[in-house]
């Protein structure tokens, strides 16, 4: 569900905080959506505080991750959170650099820059 994290309050932390979510029909402040993991690899998501949120550092073209949390560009997460807040399935996958990246390095433009400019295998 939606919640407000005082620890990430943009009014106190400015651009190091999380933007408030702009939701229709509510005056309550929210800045995150709690995630409840369903699999063996993410079953402790709720207790570990994994949430979806918007982040000022994601003002480029792509969505990023913040300590395992899906982090959206400011203004882009609110419409999604509003639709899925009462229950939905979110599947996220981010391949790791290294041996597992062999095929991805050739197929995804720019991934070699993320994993290491001098390596076709993606070893940083």
PDB file of N, CA and C in Angstrom:
ATOM      1  N   UNK A   1       0.810  -1.194   0.000  1.00  0.00           N
ATOM      2  CA  UNK A   1       0.000   0.000   0.000  1.00  0.00           C
ATOM      3  C   UNK A   1       0.853   1.257   0.000  1.00  0.00           C
ATOM      4  N   UNK A   2       0.197   2.347  -0.273  1.00  0.00           N
ATOM      5  CA  UNK A   2       0.869   3.651  -0.268  1.00  0.00           C
ATOM      6  C   UNK A   2       1.219   4.060   1.157  1.00  0.00           C
ATOM      7  N   UNK A   3       2.300   4.775   1.316  1.00  0.00           N
ATOM      8  CA  UNK A   3       2.677   5.266   2.636  1.00  0.00           C
ATOM      9  C   UNK A   3       3.566   6.499   2.477  1.00  0.00           C
ATOM     10  N   UNK A   4       3.835   7.146   3.609  1.00  0.00           N
ATOM     11  CA  UNK A   4       4.723   8.304   3.616  1.00  0.00           C
ATOM     12  C   UNK A   4       5.944   7.965   4.463  1.00  0.00           C
ATOM     13  N   UNK A   5       7.130   8.091   3.883  1.00  0.00           N
ATOM     14  CA  UNK A   5       8.376   7.856   4.609  1.00  0.00           C
ATOM     15  C   UNK A   5       8.947   9.200   5.056  1.00  0.00           C
ATOM     16  N   UNK A   6       8.878   9.459   6.355  1.00  0.00           N
ATOM     17  CA  UNK A   6       9.428  10.706   6.899  1.00  0.00           C
ATOM     18  C   UNK A   6      10.945  10.760   6.704  1.00  0.00           C
ATOM     19  N   UNK A   7      11.583   9.596   6.675  1.00  0.00           N
ATOM     20  CA  UNK A   7      13.027   9.516   6.477  1.00  0.00           C
ATOM     21  C   UNK A   7      13.443  10.078   5.116  1.00  0.00           C
ATOM     22  N   UNK A   8      12.531  10.024   4.147  1.00  0.00           N
ATOM     23  CA  UNK A   8      12.820  10.495   2.792  1.00  0.00           C
ATOM     24  C   UNK A   8      11.964  11.703   2.412  1.00  0.00           C
ATOM     25  N   UNK A   9      11.544  12.457   3.405  1.00  0.00           N
ATOM     26  CA  UNK A   9      10.683  13.630   3.189  1.00  0.00           C
ATOM     27  C   UNK A   9      11.419  14.693   2.378  1.00  0.00           C
ATOM     28  N   UNK A  10      10.914  15.012   1.213  1.00  0.00           N
ATOM     29  CA  UNK A  10      11.547  16.003   0.336  1.00  0.00           C
ATOM     30  C   UNK A  10      11.558  17.391   0.964  1.00  0.00           C
ATOM     31  N   UNK A  11      10.612  17.678   1.856  1.00  0.00           N
ATOM     32  CA  UNK A  11      10.582  18.998   2.492  1.00  0.00           C
ATOM     33  C   UNK A  11      11.761  19.186   3.440  1.00  0.00           C
ATOM     34  N   UNK A  12      12.255  18.101   4.002  1.00  0.00           N
ATOM     35  CA  UNK A  12      13.396  18.166   4.911  1.00  0.00           C
ATOM     36  C   UNK A  12      14.717  17.917   4.188  1.00  0.00           C
ATOM     37  N   UNK A  13      14.703  16.990   3.210  1.00  0.00           N
ATOM     38  CA  UNK A  13      15.939  16.575   2.559  1.00  0.00           C
ATOM     39  C   UNK A  13      16.126  17.181   1.173  1.00  0.00           C
ATOM     40  N   UNK A  14      15.186  17.993   0.739  1.00  0.00           N
ATOM     41  CA  UNK A  14      15.229  18.634  -0.593  1.00  0.00           C
ATOM     42  C   UNK A  14      15.363  17.571  -1.681  1.00  0.00           C
ATOM     43  N   UNK A  15      16.329  17.713  -2.580  1.00  0.00           N
ATOM     44  CA  UNK A  15      16.449  16.791  -3.710  1.00  0.00           C
ATOM     45  C   UNK A  15      17.074  15.440  -3.331  1.00  0.00           C
ATOM     46  N   UNK A  16      17.462  15.280  -2.077  1.00  0.00           N
ATOM     47  CA  UNK A  16      17.934  13.967  -1.625  1.00  0.00           C
ATOM     48  C   UNK A  16      16.778  13.146  -1.070  1.00  0.00           C
ATOM     49  N   UNK A  17      15.625  13.754  -0.940  1.00  0.00           N
ATOM     50  CA  UNK A  17      14.434  13.030  -0.502  1.00  0.00           C
ATOM     51  C   UNK A  17      13.696  12.454  -1.699  1.00  0.00           C
ATOM     52  N   UNK A  18      12.512  11.934  -1.445  1.00  0.00           N
ATOM     53  CA  UNK A  18      11.670  11.403  -2.516  1.00  0.00           C
ATOM     54  C   UNK A  18      10.570  12.411  -2.807  1.00  0.00           C
ATOM     55  N   UNK A  19      10.251  12.642  -4.073  1.00  0.00           N
ATOM     56  CA  UNK A  19       9.144  13.540  -4.391  1.00  0.00           C
ATOM     57  C   UNK A  19       7.825  12.999  -3.830  1.00  0.00           C
ATOM     58  N   UNK A  20       6.938  13.903  -3.419  1.00  0.00           N
ATOM     59  CA  UNK A  20       5.596  13.482  -3.020  1.00  0.00           C
ATOM     60  C   UNK A  20       4.881  12.950  -4.256  1.00  0.00           C
ATOM     61  N   UNK A  21       4.062  11.934  -4.066  1.00  0.00           N
ATOM     62  CA  UNK A  21       3.285  11.386  -5.164  1.00  0.00           C
ATOM     63  C   UNK A  21       2.067  12.266  -5.400  1.00  0.00           C
ATOM     64  N   UNK A  22       1.775  12.530  -6.630  1.00  0.00           N
ATOM     65  CA  UNK A  22       0.629  13.361  -6.992  1.00  0.00           C
ATOM     66  C   UNK A  22      -0.504  12.431  -7.407  1.00  0.00           C
ATOM     67  N   UNK A  23      -1.388  12.159  -6.456  1.00  0.00           N
ATOM     68  CA  UNK A  23      -2.480  11.243  -6.694  1.00  0.00           C
ATOM     69  C   UNK A  23      -3.808  11.989  -6.754  1.00  0.00           C
ATOM     70  N   UNK A  24      -4.711  11.469  -7.547  1.00  0.00           N
ATOM     71  CA  UNK A  24      -6.042  12.063  -7.665  1.00  0.00           C
ATOM     72  C   UNK A  24      -6.850  11.768  -6.410  1.00  0.00           C
ATOM     73  N   UNK A  25      -7.742  12.678  -6.058  1.00  0.00           N
ATOM     74  CA  UNK A  25      -8.726  12.464  -4.992  1.00  0.00           C
ATOM     75  C   UNK A  25      -8.136  12.200  -3.612  1.00  0.00           C
ATOM     76  N   UNK A  26      -6.972  12.741  -3.299  1.00  0.00           N
ATOM     77  CA  UNK A  26      -6.437  12.571  -1.945  1.00  0.00           C
ATOM     78  C   UNK A  26      -5.601  13.794  -1.562  1.00  0.00           C
ATOM     79  N   UNK A  27      -5.684  14.132  -0.293  1.00  0.00           N
ATOM     80  CA  UNK A  27      -4.862  15.230   0.213  1.00  0.00           C
ATOM     81  C   UNK A  27      -3.785  14.699   1.143  1.00  0.00           C
ATOM     82  N   UNK A  28      -3.775  13.397   1.346  1.00  0.00           N
ATOM     83  CA  UNK A  28      -2.765  12.763   2.184  1.00  0.00           C
ATOM     84  C   UNK A  28      -1.443  12.720   1.432  1.00  0.00           C
ATOM     85  N   UNK A  29      -0.357  12.974   2.156  1.00  0.00           N
ATOM     86  CA  UNK A  29       0.974  12.904   1.530  1.00  0.00           C
ATOM     87  C   UNK A  29       1.456  11.469   1.487  1.00  0.00           C
ATOM     88  N   UNK A  30       1.910  11.050   0.299  1.00  0.00           N
ATOM     89  CA  UNK A  30       2.531   9.748   0.098  1.00  0.00           C
ATOM     90  C   UNK A  30       3.816   9.970  -0.690  1.00  0.00           C
ATOM     91  N   UNK A  31       4.795   9.102  -0.472  1.00  0.00           N
ATOM     92  CA  UNK A  31       5.998   9.158  -1.301  1.00  0.00           C
ATOM     93  C   UNK A  31       6.540   7.764  -1.636  1.00  0.00           C
ATOM     94  N   UNK A  32       5.771   6.736  -1.321  1.00  0.00           N
ATOM     95  CA  UNK A  32       6.209   5.389  -1.647  1.00  0.00           C
ATOM     96  C   UNK A  32       5.074   4.393  -1.673  1.00  0.00           C
ATOM     97  N   UNK A  33       5.352   3.243  -2.267  1.00  0.00           N
ATOM     98  CA  UNK A  33       4.405   2.129  -2.339  1.00  0.00           C
ATOM     99  C   UNK A  33       5.134   0.889  -1.848  1.00  0.00           C
ATOM    100  N   UNK A  34       4.678   0.335  -0.732  1.00  0.00           N
ATOM    101  CA  UNK A  34       5.316  -0.853  -0.158  1.00  0.00           C
ATOM    102  C   UNK A  34       5.139  -2.063  -1.075  1.00  0.00           C
ATOM    103  N   UNK A  35       6.177  -2.909  -1.133  1.00  0.00           N
ATOM    104  CA  UNK A  35       6.134  -4.121  -1.949  1.00  0.00           C
ATOM    105  C   UNK A  35       6.212  -5.354  -1.056  1.00  0.00           C
ATOM    106  N   UNK A  36       5.395  -6.327  -1.353  1.00  0.00           N
ATOM    107  CA  UNK A  36       5.376  -7.581  -0.614  1.00  0.00           C
ATOM    108  C   UNK A  36       5.857  -8.676  -1.555  1.00  0.00           C
ATOM    109  N   UNK A  37       7.009  -9.237  -1.299  1.00  0.00           N
ATOM    110  CA  UNK A  37       7.587 -10.252  -2.174  1.00  0.00           C
ATOM    111  C   UNK A  37       6.864 -11.578  -2.101  1.00  0.00           C
ATOM    112  N   UNK A  38       6.834 -12.279  -3.229  1.00  0.00           N
ATOM    113  CA  UNK A  38       6.112 -13.535  -3.321  1.00  0.00           C
ATOM    114  C   UNK A  38       7.007 -14.750  -3.541  1.00  0.00           C
ATOM    115  N   UNK A  39       8.255 -14.529  -3.897  1.00  0.00           N
ATOM    116  CA  UNK A  39       9.121 -15.667  -4.218  1.00  0.00           C
ATOM    117  C   UNK A  39      10.189 -15.846  -3.138  1.00  0.00           C
ATOM    118  N   UNK A  40      10.939 -16.915  -3.273  1.00  0.00           N
ATOM    119  CA  UNK A  40      12.001 -17.209  -2.304  1.00  0.00           C
ATOM    120  C   UNK A  40      13.087 -16.127  -2.327  1.00  0.00           C
ATOM    121  N   UNK A  41      13.289 -15.491  -3.467  1.00  0.00           N
ATOM    122  CA  UNK A  41      14.341 -14.484  -3.576  1.00  0.00           C
ATOM    123  C   UNK A  41      13.918 -13.111  -3.074  1.00  0.00           C
ATOM    124  N   UNK A  42      12.612 -12.864  -2.945  1.00  0.00           N
ATOM    125  CA  UNK A  42      12.183 -11.548  -2.479  1.00  0.00           C
ATOM    126  C   UNK A  42      11.108 -11.617  -1.401  1.00  0.00           C
ATOM    127  N   UNK A  43      10.979 -12.738  -0.734  1.00  0.00           N
ATOM    128  CA  UNK A  43       9.951 -12.943   0.273  1.00  0.00           C
ATOM    129  C   UNK A  43      10.037 -12.018   1.472  1.00  0.00           C
ATOM    130  N   UNK A  44      11.178 -11.406   1.683  1.00  0.00           N
ATOM    131  CA  UNK A  44      11.342 -10.505   2.824  1.00  0.00           C
ATOM    132  C   UNK A  44      11.312  -9.030   2.407  1.00  0.00           C
ATOM    133  N   UNK A  45      10.799  -8.754   1.225  1.00  0.00           N
ATOM    134  CA  UNK A  45      10.765  -7.373   0.721  1.00  0.00           C
ATOM    135  C   UNK A  45      10.046  -6.423   1.669  1.00  0.00           C
ATOM    136  N   UNK A  46       8.896  -6.826   2.161  1.00  0.00           N
ATOM    137  CA  UNK A  46       8.121  -5.958   3.033  1.00  0.00           C
ATOM    138  C   UNK A  46       8.878  -5.649   4.329  1.00  0.00           C
ATOM    139  N   UNK A  47       9.442  -6.678   4.966  1.00  0.00           N
ATOM    140  CA  UNK A  47      10.159  -6.464   6.227  1.00  0.00           C
ATOM    141  C   UNK A  47      11.475  -5.713   6.028  1.00  0.00           C
ATOM    142  N   UNK A  48      12.040  -5.767   4.833  1.00  0.00           N
ATOM    143  CA  UNK A  48      13.288  -5.059   4.543  1.00  0.00           C
ATOM    144  C   UNK A  48      13.058  -3.648   4.011  1.00  0.00           C
ATOM    145  N   UNK A  49      11.808  -3.273   3.813  1.00  0.00           N
ATOM    146  CA  UNK A  49      11.500  -1.901   3.391  1.00  0.00           C
ATOM    147  C   UNK A  49      11.699  -1.645   1.909  1.00  0.00           C
ATOM    148  N   UNK A  50      11.535  -2.675   1.077  1.00  0.00           N
ATOM    149  CA  UNK A  50      11.651  -2.471  -0.365  1.00  0.00           C
ATOM    150  C   UNK A  50      10.350  -1.834  -0.854  1.00  0.00           C
ATOM    151  N   UNK A  51      10.478  -0.681  -1.466  1.00  0.00           N
ATOM    152  CA  UNK A  51       9.303   0.070  -1.917  1.00  0.00           C
ATOM    153  C   UNK A  51       9.550   0.657  -3.305  1.00  0.00           C
ATOM    154  N   UNK A  52       8.470   0.978  -3.994  1.00  0.00           N
ATOM    155  CA  UNK A  52       8.569   1.763  -5.225  1.00  0.00           C
ATOM    156  C   UNK A  52       8.477   3.219  -4.814  1.00  0.00           C
ATOM    157  N   UNK A  53       9.291   4.052  -5.453  1.00  0.00           N
ATOM    158  CA  UNK A  53       9.224   5.482  -5.159  1.00  0.00           C
ATOM    159  C   UNK A  53       9.774   6.249  -6.350  1.00  0.00           C
ATOM    160  N   UNK A  54       9.535   7.533  -6.352  1.00  0.00           N
ATOM    161  CA  UNK A  54      10.142   8.407  -7.356  1.00  0.00           C
ATOM    162  C   UNK A  54      11.444   8.931  -6.757  1.00  0.00           C
ATOM    163  N   UNK A  55      12.395   9.291  -7.620  1.00  0.00           N
ATOM    164  CA  UNK A  55      13.683   9.773  -7.124  1.00  0.00           C
ATOM    165  C   UNK A  55      14.229  10.846  -8.048  1.00  0.00           C
ATOM    166  N   UNK A  56      14.733  11.913  -7.455  1.00  0.00           N
ATOM    167  CA  UNK A  56      15.275  13.018  -8.242  1.00  0.00           C
ATOM    168  C   UNK A  56      16.496  12.614  -9.053  1.00  0.00           C
ATOM    169  N   UNK A  57      17.257  11.619  -8.589  1.00  0.00           N
ATOM    170  CA  UNK A  57      18.447  11.204  -9.336  1.00  0.00           C
ATOM    171  C   UNK A  57      18.085  10.446 -10.611  1.00  0.00           C
ATOM    172  N   UNK A  58      16.833  10.127 -10.806  1.00  0.00           N
ATOM    173  CA  UNK A  58      16.370   9.431 -12.012  1.00  0.00           C
ATOM    174  C   UNK A  58      15.715  10.398 -12.991  1.00  0.00           C
ATOM    175  N   UNK A  59      16.343  11.466 -13.286  1.00  0.00           N
ATOM    176  CA  UNK A  59      15.744  12.435 -14.194  1.00  0.00           C
ATOM    177  C   UNK A  59      16.177  12.230 -15.644  1.00  0.00           C
ATOM    178  N   UNK A  60      16.882  11.132 -15.915  1.00  0.00           N
ATOM    179  CA  UNK A  60      17.291  10.813 -17.284  1.00  0.00           C
ATOM    180  C   UNK A  60      16.211  10.031 -18.014  1.00  0.00           C
ATOM    181  N   UNK A  61      16.636   9.220 -18.950  1.00  0.00           N
ATOM    182  CA  UNK A  61      15.702   8.474 -19.799  1.00  0.00           C
ATOM    183  C   UNK A  61      15.196   7.177 -19.185  1.00  0.00           C
ATOM    184  N   UNK A  62      15.937   6.605 -18.240  1.00  0.00           N
ATOM    185  CA  UNK A  62      15.569   5.288 -17.751  1.00  0.00           C
ATOM    186  C   UNK A  62      15.216   5.288 -16.278  1.00  0.00           C
ATOM    187  N   UNK A  63      14.462   4.280 -15.894  1.00  0.00           N
ATOM    188  CA  UNK A  63      14.127   4.061 -14.499  1.00  0.00           C
ATOM    189  C   UNK A  63      15.328   3.405 -13.841  1.00  0.00           C
ATOM    190  N   UNK A  64      15.544   3.655 -12.571  1.00  0.00           N
ATOM    191  CA  UNK A  64      16.678   3.058 -11.883  1.00  0.00           C
ATOM    192  C   UNK A  64      16.261   2.305 -10.639  1.00  0.00           C
ATOM    193  N   UNK A  65      17.271   1.852  -9.908  1.00  0.00           N
ATOM    194  CA  UNK A  65      17.015   1.158  -8.654  1.00  0.00           C
ATOM    195  C   UNK A  65      17.767   1.857  -7.531  1.00  0.00           C
ATOM    196  N   UNK A  66      17.152   1.882  -6.384  1.00  0.00           N
ATOM    197  CA  UNK A  66      17.712   2.522  -5.218  1.00  0.00           C
ATOM    198  C   UNK A  66      17.778   1.472  -4.107  1.00  0.00           C
ATOM    199  N   UNK A  67      18.938   0.881  -3.881  1.00  0.00           N
ATOM    200  CA  UNK A  67      19.099  -0.173  -2.880  1.00  0.00           C
ATOM    201  C   UNK A  67      18.079  -1.287  -3.078  1.00  0.00           C
ATOM    202  N   UNK A  68      17.791  -1.645  -4.320  1.00  0.00           N
ATOM    203  CA  UNK A  68      16.845  -2.711  -4.614  1.00  0.00           C
ATOM    204  C   UNK A  68      15.426  -2.247  -4.847  1.00  0.00           C
ATOM    205  N   UNK A  69      15.147  -0.983  -4.561  1.00  0.00           N
ATOM    206  CA  UNK A  69      13.800  -0.452  -4.771  1.00  0.00           C
ATOM    207  C   UNK A  69      13.660   0.077  -6.198  1.00  0.00           C
ATOM    208  N   UNK A  70      12.564  -0.253  -6.875  1.00  0.00           N
ATOM    209  CA  UNK A  70      12.318   0.374  -8.179  1.00  0.00           C
ATOM    210  C   UNK A  70      12.096   1.869  -7.970  1.00  0.00           C
ATOM    211  N   UNK A  71      12.868   2.694  -8.647  1.00  0.00           N
ATOM    212  CA  UNK A  71      12.782   4.146  -8.471  1.00  0.00           C
ATOM    213  C   UNK A  71      12.473   4.807  -9.816  1.00  0.00           C
ATOM    214  N   UNK A  72      11.379   5.548  -9.865  1.00  0.00           N
ATOM    215  CA  UNK A  72      10.905   6.193 -11.086  1.00  0.00           C
ATOM    216  C   UNK A  72      11.358   7.642 -11.180  1.00  0.00           C
ATOM    217  N   UNK A  73      11.342   8.164 -12.395  1.00  0.00           N
ATOM    218  CA  UNK A  73      11.586   9.589 -12.581  1.00  0.00           C
ATOM    219  C   UNK A  73      10.470  10.375 -11.888  1.00  0.00           C
ATOM    220  N   UNK A  74      10.761  11.558 -11.351  1.00  0.00           N
ATOM    221  CA  UNK A  74       9.720  12.360 -10.705  1.00  0.00           C
ATOM    222  C   UNK A  74       8.528  12.586 -11.630  1.00  0.00           C
ATOM    223  N   UNK A  75       7.335  12.322 -11.100  1.00  0.00           N
ATOM    224  CA  UNK A  75       6.102  12.498 -11.846  1.00  0.00           C
ATOM    225  C   UNK A  75       5.680  11.294 -12.663  1.00  0.00           C
ATOM    226  N   UNK A  76       6.566  10.324 -12.858  1.00  0.00           N
ATOM    227  CA  UNK A  76       6.251   9.156 -13.689  1.00  0.00           C
ATOM    228  C   UNK A  76       5.702   7.980 -12.878  1.00  0.00           C
ATOM    229  N   UNK A  77       5.988   7.936 -11.602  1.00  0.00           N
ATOM    230  CA  UNK A  77       5.527   6.814 -10.788  1.00  0.00           C
ATOM    231  C   UNK A  77       4.093   6.959 -10.303  1.00  0.00           C
ATOM    232  N   UNK A  78       3.668   8.179 -10.015  1.00  0.00           N
ATOM    233  CA  UNK A  78       2.342   8.406  -9.443  1.00  0.00           C
ATOM    234  C   UNK A  78       1.207   7.728 -10.200  1.00  0.00           C
ATOM    235  N   UNK A  79       1.117   7.881 -11.530  1.00  0.00           N
ATOM    236  CA  UNK A  79       0.008   7.230 -12.238  1.00  0.00           C
ATOM    237  C   UNK A  79       0.043   5.703 -12.127  1.00  0.00           C
ATOM    238  N   UNK A  80       1.240   5.147 -12.071  1.00  0.00           N
ATOM    239  CA  UNK A  80       1.379   3.693 -11.941  1.00  0.00           C
ATOM    240  C   UNK A  80       0.985   3.256 -10.538  1.00  0.00           C
ATOM    241  N   UNK A  81       1.484   3.962  -9.529  1.00  0.00           N
ATOM    242  CA  UNK A  81       1.179   3.605  -8.143  1.00  0.00           C
ATOM    243  C   UNK A  81      -0.319   3.676  -7.883  1.00  0.00           C
ATOM    244  N   UNK A  82      -0.965   4.671  -8.452  1.00  0.00           N
ATOM    245  CA  UNK A  82      -2.402   4.838  -8.258  1.00  0.00           C
ATOM    246  C   UNK A  82      -3.170   3.634  -8.810  1.00  0.00           C
ATOM    247  N   UNK A  83      -2.712   3.096  -9.917  1.00  0.00           N
ATOM    248  CA  UNK A  83      -3.388   1.945 -10.537  1.00  0.00           C
ATOM    249  C   UNK A  83      -3.125   0.642  -9.803  1.00  0.00           C
ATOM    250  N   UNK A  84      -1.929   0.468  -9.252  1.00  0.00           N
ATOM    251  CA  UNK A  84      -1.573  -0.834  -8.673  1.00  0.00           C
ATOM    252  C   UNK A  84      -1.593  -0.862  -7.150  1.00  0.00           C
ATOM    253  N   UNK A  85      -1.948   0.222  -6.490  1.00  0.00           N
ATOM    254  CA  UNK A  85      -1.851   0.304  -5.040  1.00  0.00           C
ATOM    255  C   UNK A  85      -2.708  -0.710  -4.290  1.00  0.00           C
ATOM    256  N   UNK A  86      -3.785  -1.184  -4.875  1.00  0.00           N
ATOM    257  CA  UNK A  86      -4.645  -2.136  -4.177  1.00  0.00           C
ATOM    258  C   UNK A  86      -4.303  -3.585  -4.499  1.00  0.00           C
ATOM    259  N   UNK A  87      -3.297  -3.804  -5.312  1.00  0.00           N
ATOM    260  CA  UNK A  87      -2.852  -5.162  -5.599  1.00  0.00           C
ATOM    261  C   UNK A  87      -2.538  -5.362  -7.065  1.00  0.00           C
ATOM    262  N   UNK A  88      -1.352  -5.835  -7.329  1.00  0.00           N
ATOM    263  CA  UNK A  88      -0.911  -6.084  -8.685  1.00  0.00           C
ATOM    264  C   UNK A  88       0.368  -6.905  -8.613  1.00  0.00           C
ATOM    265  N   UNK A  89       0.813  -7.389  -9.747  1.00  0.00           N
ATOM    266  CA  UNK A  89       2.064  -8.124  -9.795  1.00  0.00           C
ATOM    267  C   UNK A  89       3.105  -7.263 -10.493  1.00  0.00           C
ATOM    268  N   UNK A  90       4.238  -7.076  -9.849  1.00  0.00           N
ATOM    269  CA  UNK A  90       5.361  -6.338 -10.432  1.00  0.00           C
ATOM    270  C   UNK A  90       6.504  -7.325 -10.594  1.00  0.00           C
ATOM    271  N   UNK A  91       7.023  -7.409 -11.807  1.00  0.00           N
ATOM    272  CA  UNK A  91       8.170  -8.270 -12.067  1.00  0.00           C
ATOM    273  C   UNK A  91       9.313  -7.384 -12.520  1.00  0.00           C
ATOM    274  N   UNK A  92      10.397  -7.416 -11.786  1.00  0.00           N
ATOM    275  CA  UNK A  92      11.557  -6.618 -12.143  1.00  0.00           C
ATOM    276  C   UNK A  92      12.785  -7.496 -12.270  1.00  0.00           C
ATOM    277  N   UNK A  93      13.592  -7.220 -13.268  1.00  0.00           N
ATOM    278  CA  UNK A  93      14.799  -7.996 -13.472  1.00  0.00           C
ATOM    279  C   UNK A  93      15.904  -7.077 -13.959  1.00  0.00           C
ATOM    280  N   UNK A  94      17.040  -7.160 -13.332  1.00  0.00           N
ATOM    281  CA  UNK A  94      18.210  -6.399 -13.761  1.00  0.00           C
ATOM    282  C   UNK A  94      19.393  -7.352 -13.775  1.00  0.00           C
ATOM    283  N   UNK A  95      19.849  -7.767 -14.954  1.00  0.00           N
ATOM    284  CA  UNK A  95      20.972  -8.703 -15.017  1.00  0.00           C
ATOM    285  C   UNK A  95      22.235  -8.094 -14.422  1.00  0.00           C
ATOM    286  N   UNK A  96      23.050  -8.950 -13.849  1.00  0.00           N
ATOM    287  CA  UNK A  96      24.286  -8.512 -13.229  1.00  0.00           C
ATOM    288  C   UNK A  96      25.429  -8.557 -14.238  1.00  0.00           C
ATOM    289  N   UNK A  97      26.413  -7.718 -14.051  1.00  0.00           N
ATOM    290  CA  UNK A  97      27.588  -7.726 -14.925  1.00  0.00           C
ATOM    291  C   UNK A  97      28.407  -8.989 -14.658  1.00  0.00           C
ATOM    292  N   UNK A  98      29.099  -9.461 -15.652  1.00  0.00           N
ATOM    293  CA  UNK A  98      29.938 -10.647 -15.507  1.00  0.00           C
ATOM    294  C   UNK A  98      29.565 -11.717 -16.514  1.00  0.00           C
ATOM    295  N   UNK A  99      29.805 -12.961 -16.157  1.00  0.00           N
ATOM    296  CA  UNK A  99      29.583 -14.086 -17.062  1.00  0.00           C
ATOM    297  C   UNK A  99      28.151 -14.154 -17.575  1.00  0.00           C
ATOM    298  N   UNK A 100      27.181 -13.824 -16.732  1.00  0.00           N
ATOM    299  CA  UNK A 100      25.780 -13.906 -17.139  1.00  0.00           C
ATOM    300  C   UNK A 100      25.416 -12.880 -18.210  1.00  0.00           C
ATOM    301  N   UNK A 101      26.278 -11.917 -18.439  1.00  0.00           N
ATOM    302  CA  UNK A 101      25.970 -10.817 -19.339  1.00  0.00           C
ATOM    303  C   UNK A 101      26.414 -11.033 -20.782  1.00  0.00           C
ATOM    304  N   UNK A 102      27.040 -12.130 -21.095  1.00  0.00           N
ATOM    305  CA  UNK A 102      27.588 -12.341 -22.439  1.00  0.00           C
ATOM    306  C   UNK A 102      26.594 -11.987 -23.540  1.00  0.00           C
ATOM    307  N   UNK A 103      25.410 -12.575 -23.522  1.00  0.00           N
ATOM    308  CA  UNK A 103      24.417 -12.319 -24.566  1.00  0.00           C
ATOM    309  C   UNK A 103      23.840 -10.926 -24.503  1.00  0.00           C
ATOM    310  N   UNK A 104      23.623 -10.420 -23.316  1.00  0.00           N
ATOM    311  CA  UNK A 104      23.026  -9.095 -23.160  1.00  0.00           C
ATOM    312  C   UNK A 104      23.948  -8.007 -23.693  1.00  0.00           C
ATOM    313  N   UNK A 105      25.239  -8.167 -23.487  1.00  0.00           N
ATOM    314  CA  UNK A 105      26.201  -7.156 -23.923  1.00  0.00           C
ATOM    315  C   UNK A 105      26.104  -6.905 -25.425  1.00  0.00           C
ATOM    316  N   UNK A 106      25.795  -7.944 -26.186  1.00  0.00           N
ATOM    317  CA  UNK A 106      25.693  -7.806 -27.636  1.00  0.00           C
ATOM    318  C   UNK A 106      24.323  -7.298 -28.063  1.00  0.00           C
ATOM    319  N   UNK A 107      23.285  -7.587 -27.280  1.00  0.00           N
ATOM    320  CA  UNK A 107      21.911  -7.273 -27.670  1.00  0.00           C
ATOM    321  C   UNK A 107      21.410  -5.917 -27.186  1.00  0.00           C
ATOM    322  N   UNK A 108      21.908  -5.435 -26.062  1.00  0.00           N
ATOM    323  CA  UNK A 108      21.388  -4.201 -25.468  1.00  0.00           C
ATOM    324  C   UNK A 108      22.387  -3.070 -25.673  1.00  0.00           C
ATOM    325  N   UNK A 109      21.980  -2.081 -26.435  1.00  0.00           N
ATOM    326  CA  UNK A 109      22.845  -0.940 -26.733  1.00  0.00           C
ATOM    327  C   UNK A 109      23.164  -0.183 -25.445  1.00  0.00           C
ATOM    328  N   UNK A 110      24.436   0.067 -25.197  1.00  0.00           N
ATOM    329  CA  UNK A 110      24.863   0.858 -24.047  1.00  0.00           C
ATOM    330  C   UNK A 110      25.165   0.061 -22.792  1.00  0.00           C
ATOM    331  N   UNK A 111      24.825  -1.235 -22.769  1.00  0.00           N
ATOM    332  CA  UNK A 111      25.056  -2.003 -21.544  1.00  0.00           C
ATOM    333  C   UNK A 111      26.538  -2.140 -21.243  1.00  0.00           C
ATOM    334  N   UNK A 112      27.372  -2.183 -22.282  1.00  0.00           N
ATOM    335  CA  UNK A 112      28.811  -2.305 -22.053  1.00  0.00           C
ATOM    336  C   UNK A 112      29.351  -1.095 -21.303  1.00  0.00           C
ATOM    337  N   UNK A 113      28.729   0.056 -21.482  1.00  0.00           N
ATOM    338  CA  UNK A 113      29.165   1.250 -20.750  1.00  0.00           C
ATOM    339  C   UNK A 113      28.805   1.162 -19.278  1.00  0.00           C
ATOM    340  N   UNK A 114      27.733   0.474 -18.975  1.00  0.00           N
ATOM    341  CA  UNK A 114      27.318   0.328 -17.595  1.00  0.00           C
ATOM    342  C   UNK A 114      28.220  -0.668 -16.881  1.00  0.00           C
ATOM    343  N   UNK A 115      28.544  -1.768 -17.541  1.00  0.00           N
ATOM    344  CA  UNK A 115      29.315  -2.846 -16.912  1.00  0.00           C
ATOM    345  C   UNK A 115      30.823  -2.681 -17.023  1.00  0.00           C
ATOM    346  N   UNK A 116      31.296  -1.904 -17.901  1.00  0.00           N
ATOM    347  CA  UNK A 116      32.728  -1.720 -18.067  1.00  0.00           C
ATOM    348  C   UNK A 116      33.069  -1.449 -19.520  1.00  0.00           C
ATOM    349  N   UNK A 117      33.636  -0.312 -19.791  1.00  0.00           N
ATOM    350  CA  UNK A 117      33.884   0.110 -21.167  1.00  0.00           C
ATOM    351  C   UNK A 117      34.865  -0.770 -21.905  1.00  0.00           C
ATOM    352  N   UNK A 118      35.789  -1.394 -21.200  1.00  0.00           N
ATOM    353  CA  UNK A 118      36.846  -2.160 -21.873  1.00  0.00           C
ATOM    354  C   UNK A 118      36.553  -3.634 -21.983  1.00  0.00           C
ATOM    355  N   UNK A 119      35.347  -4.048 -21.647  1.00  0.00           N
ATOM    356  CA  UNK A 119      35.082  -5.474 -21.630  1.00  0.00           C
ATOM    357  C   UNK A 119      33.820  -5.811 -22.407  1.00  0.00           C
ATOM    358  N   UNK A 120      33.910  -6.738 -23.321  1.00  0.00           N
ATOM    359  CA  UNK A 120      32.741  -7.228 -24.029  1.00  0.00           C
ATOM    360  C   UNK A 120      31.951  -8.199 -23.175  1.00  0.00           C
ATOM    361  N   UNK A 121      32.553  -8.719 -22.125  1.00  0.00           N
ATOM    362  CA  UNK A 121      31.872  -9.667 -21.245  1.00  0.00           C
ATOM    363  C   UNK A 121      31.186  -8.944 -20.111  1.00  0.00           C
ATOM    364  N   UNK A 122      31.475  -7.701 -19.885  1.00  0.00           N
ATOM    365  CA  UNK A 122      30.790  -6.950 -18.852  1.00  0.00           C
ATOM    366  C   UNK A 122      31.442  -6.990 -17.492  1.00  0.00           C
ATOM    367  N   UNK A 123      32.659  -7.448 -17.390  1.00  0.00           N
ATOM    368  CA  UNK A 123      33.340  -7.440 -16.112  1.00  0.00           C
ATOM    369  C   UNK A 123      33.796  -6.034 -15.801  1.00  0.00           C
ATOM    370  N   UNK A 124      33.325  -5.467 -14.690  1.00  0.00           N
ATOM    371  CA  UNK A 124      33.691  -4.075 -14.348  1.00  0.00           C
ATOM    372  C   UNK A 124      35.178  -3.886 -14.115  1.00  0.00           C
TER     373      UNK A 124
END
